Amino acid sequence: MTLRLTDDEQQALKERADAEGVSMQDAARRAVREYVERGAHVSRVMEAAKQVIATHGDALDRLGR
């Protein structure tokens, strides 16, 4: 895989990586992992919310009045 960045993105990545004492590749890989993990977390929360609503929807409606 090739990751193409704009000049500004590449400079920002270099500066961040330098500040953290890691390679640009390691910083980019960490960012990808965090992005994937955050998306998975959002999916789990949404699924849990759907289950709560399905199970306790009536009570939630009454509490909202």
N, C-alpha and C. Protein backbone atom coordinates (compact mmCIF):
# COMPACT_ATOMS: atom_id res chain seq x y z
N MET A 1 0.85 -1.18 0.00
CA MET A 1 0.00 0.00 0.00
C MET A 1 0.89 1.23 0.00
N THR A 2 0.48 2.21 -0.75
CA THR A 2 1.17 3.49 -0.77
C THR A 2 0.22 4.55 -0.23
N LEU A 3 0.69 5.32 0.71
CA LEU A 3 -0.11 6.39 1.28
C LEU A 3 0.38 7.71 0.71
N ARG A 4 -0.49 8.37 -0.01
CA ARG A 4 -0.11 9.65 -0.61
C ARG A 4 -0.66 10.78 0.26
N LEU A 5 0.21 11.64 0.69
CA LEU A 5 -0.16 12.78 1.52
C LEU A 5 0.13 14.07 0.78
N THR A 6 -0.61 15.11 1.11
CA THR A 6 -0.26 16.43 0.59
C THR A 6 1.03 16.86 1.27
N ASP A 7 1.66 17.88 0.74
CA ASP A 7 2.88 18.38 1.36
C ASP A 7 2.62 18.83 2.80
N ASP A 8 1.49 19.49 3.01
CA ASP A 8 1.14 19.96 4.36
C ASP A 8 0.92 18.79 5.31
N GLU A 9 0.22 17.75 4.85
CA GLU A 9 -0.01 16.57 5.68
C GLU A 9 1.30 15.87 6.03
N GLN A 10 2.16 15.76 5.04
CA GLN A 10 3.45 15.11 5.27
C GLN A 10 4.29 15.90 6.26
N GLN A 11 4.28 17.21 6.14
CA GLN A 11 5.05 18.05 7.07
C GLN A 11 4.49 17.93 8.49
N ALA A 12 3.16 17.95 8.61
CA ALA A 12 2.54 17.82 9.92
C ALA A 12 2.86 16.46 10.53
N LEU A 13 2.81 15.41 9.73
CA LEU A 13 3.14 14.08 10.22
C LEU A 13 4.59 14.02 10.67
N LYS A 14 5.49 14.60 9.88
CA LYS A 14 6.92 14.60 10.24
C LYS A 14 7.13 15.33 11.56
N GLU A 15 6.51 16.49 11.70
CA GLU A 15 6.67 17.26 12.93
C GLU A 15 6.13 16.50 14.15
N ARG A 16 4.97 15.86 13.98
CA ARG A 16 4.38 15.10 15.09
C ARG A 16 5.25 13.90 15.44
N ALA A 17 5.71 13.19 14.42
CA ALA A 17 6.56 12.03 14.66
C ALA A 17 7.86 12.43 15.33
N ASP A 18 8.47 13.51 14.85
CA ASP A 18 9.71 14.01 15.47
C ASP A 18 9.48 14.38 16.93
N ALA A 19 8.37 15.04 17.21
CA ALA A 19 8.06 15.46 18.58
C ALA A 19 7.89 14.25 19.50
N GLU A 20 7.38 13.15 18.95
CA GLU A 20 7.16 11.94 19.75
C GLU A 20 8.33 10.98 19.69
N GLY A 21 9.34 11.30 18.87
CA GLY A 21 10.51 10.44 18.77
C GLY A 21 10.25 9.11 18.09
N VAL A 22 9.32 9.13 17.13
CA VAL A 22 9.02 7.91 16.38
C VAL A 22 9.15 8.21 14.89
N SER A 23 9.18 7.15 14.10
CA SER A 23 9.25 7.34 12.65
C SER A 23 7.90 7.80 12.13
N MET A 24 7.91 8.39 10.94
CA MET A 24 6.67 8.80 10.32
C MET A 24 5.78 7.57 10.08
N GLN A 25 6.39 6.46 9.70
CA GLN A 25 5.63 5.24 9.45
C GLN A 25 4.94 4.78 10.73
N ASP A 26 5.66 4.77 11.84
CA ASP A 26 5.05 4.35 13.11
C ASP A 26 3.91 5.29 13.51
N ALA A 27 4.11 6.59 13.30
CA ALA A 27 3.06 7.56 13.64
C ALA A 27 1.82 7.34 12.76
N ALA A 28 2.03 7.08 11.49
CA ALA A 28 0.90 6.85 10.58
C ALA A 28 0.19 5.55 10.93
N ARG A 29 0.94 4.51 11.23
CA ARG A 29 0.33 3.23 11.59
C ARG A 29 -0.48 3.37 12.87
N ARG A 30 0.03 4.11 13.84
CA ARG A 30 -0.71 4.34 15.08
C ARG A 30 -2.01 5.10 14.79
N ALA A 31 -1.93 6.10 13.92
CA ALA A 31 -3.13 6.87 13.57
C ALA A 31 -4.19 5.98 12.92
N VAL A 32 -3.76 5.07 12.06
CA VAL A 32 -4.69 4.16 11.41
C VAL A 32 -5.33 3.24 12.45
N ARG A 33 -4.52 2.68 13.35
CA ARG A 33 -5.06 1.81 14.40
C ARG A 33 -6.08 2.55 15.25
N GLU A 34 -5.77 3.77 15.65
CA GLU A 34 -6.69 4.56 16.47
C GLU A 34 -7.99 4.85 15.72
N TYR A 35 -7.88 5.14 14.43
CA TYR A 35 -9.05 5.40 13.61
C TYR A 35 -9.95 4.17 13.54
N VAL A 36 -9.35 3.02 13.32
CA VAL A 36 -10.12 1.77 13.24
C VAL A 36 -10.75 1.44 14.59
N GLU A 37 -9.98 1.58 15.67
CA GLU A 37 -10.50 1.29 17.01
C GLU A 37 -11.65 2.23 17.37
N ARG A 38 -11.52 3.51 17.03
CA ARG A 38 -12.57 4.48 17.33
C ARG A 38 -13.85 4.13 16.57
N GLY A 39 -13.71 3.74 15.31
CA GLY A 39 -14.88 3.35 14.53
C GLY A 39 -15.54 2.11 15.10
N ALA A 40 -14.75 1.15 15.53
CA ALA A 40 -15.30 -0.07 16.13
C ALA A 40 -16.02 0.26 17.44
N HIS A 41 -15.47 1.18 18.21
CA HIS A 41 -16.10 1.58 19.48
C HIS A 41 -17.45 2.23 19.21
N VAL A 42 -17.50 3.12 18.24
CA VAL A 42 -18.76 3.78 17.90
C VAL A 42 -19.80 2.74 17.49
N SER A 43 -19.38 1.76 16.71
CA SER A 43 -20.31 0.70 16.29
C SER A 43 -20.84 -0.09 17.48
N ARG A 44 -19.96 -0.40 18.44
CA ARG A 44 -20.40 -1.14 19.63
C ARG A 44 -21.37 -0.31 20.47
N VAL A 45 -21.10 0.97 20.62
CA VAL A 45 -21.99 1.84 21.40
C VAL A 45 -23.35 1.95 20.72
N MET A 46 -23.35 2.10 19.40
CA MET A 46 -24.63 2.20 18.68
C MET A 46 -25.43 0.91 18.82
N GLU A 47 -24.78 -0.22 18.74
CA GLU A 47 -25.48 -1.50 18.89
C GLU A 47 -26.03 -1.65 20.31
N ALA A 48 -25.25 -1.26 21.30
CA ALA A 48 -25.72 -1.33 22.69
C ALA A 48 -26.92 -0.40 22.89
N ALA A 49 -26.86 0.78 22.30
CA ALA A 49 -27.98 1.73 22.44
C ALA A 49 -29.25 1.15 21.81
N LYS A 50 -29.10 0.51 20.66
CA LYS A 50 -30.27 -0.11 20.02
C LYS A 50 -30.87 -1.19 20.92
N GLN A 51 -30.03 -1.97 21.57
CA GLN A 51 -30.52 -3.02 22.46
C GLN A 51 -31.23 -2.43 23.67
N VAL A 52 -30.69 -1.36 24.23
CA VAL A 52 -31.32 -0.71 25.38
C VAL A 52 -32.69 -0.16 24.97
N ILE A 53 -32.74 0.48 23.81
CA ILE A 53 -34.00 1.05 23.34
C ILE A 53 -35.02 -0.06 23.08
N ALA A 54 -34.58 -1.15 22.48
CA ALA A 54 -35.49 -2.26 22.20
C ALA A 54 -36.03 -2.86 23.49
N THR A 55 -35.18 -2.95 24.50
CA THR A 55 -35.57 -3.57 25.76
C THR A 55 -36.34 -2.62 26.67
N HIS A 56 -35.94 -1.36 26.71
CA HIS A 56 -36.49 -0.42 27.69
C HIS A 56 -37.13 0.81 27.04
N GLY A 57 -37.53 0.69 25.78
CA GLY A 57 -38.08 1.84 25.05
C GLY A 57 -39.27 2.48 25.72
N ASP A 58 -40.19 1.65 26.23
CA ASP A 58 -41.38 2.20 26.89
C ASP A 58 -41.00 3.04 28.11
N ALA A 59 -40.12 2.51 28.91
CA ALA A 59 -39.69 3.24 30.12
C ALA A 59 -38.97 4.54 29.73
N LEU A 60 -38.14 4.47 28.71
CA LEU A 60 -37.44 5.67 28.26
C LEU A 60 -38.42 6.74 27.76
N ASP A 61 -39.46 6.30 27.06
CA ASP A 61 -40.48 7.23 26.61
C ASP A 61 -41.17 7.91 27.78
N ARG A 62 -41.51 7.12 28.79
CA ARG A 62 -42.19 7.68 29.97
C ARG A 62 -41.26 8.66 30.70
N LEU A 63 -39.99 8.34 30.79
CA LEU A 63 -39.05 9.23 31.47
C LEU A 63 -38.86 10.54 30.70
N GLY A 64 -39.05 10.48 29.39
CA GLY A 64 -38.87 11.67 28.57
C GLY A 64 -40.04 12.62 28.60
N ARG A 65 -41.13 12.24 29.23
CA ARG A 65 -42.31 13.10 29.28
C ARG A 65 -42.23 14.09 30.39
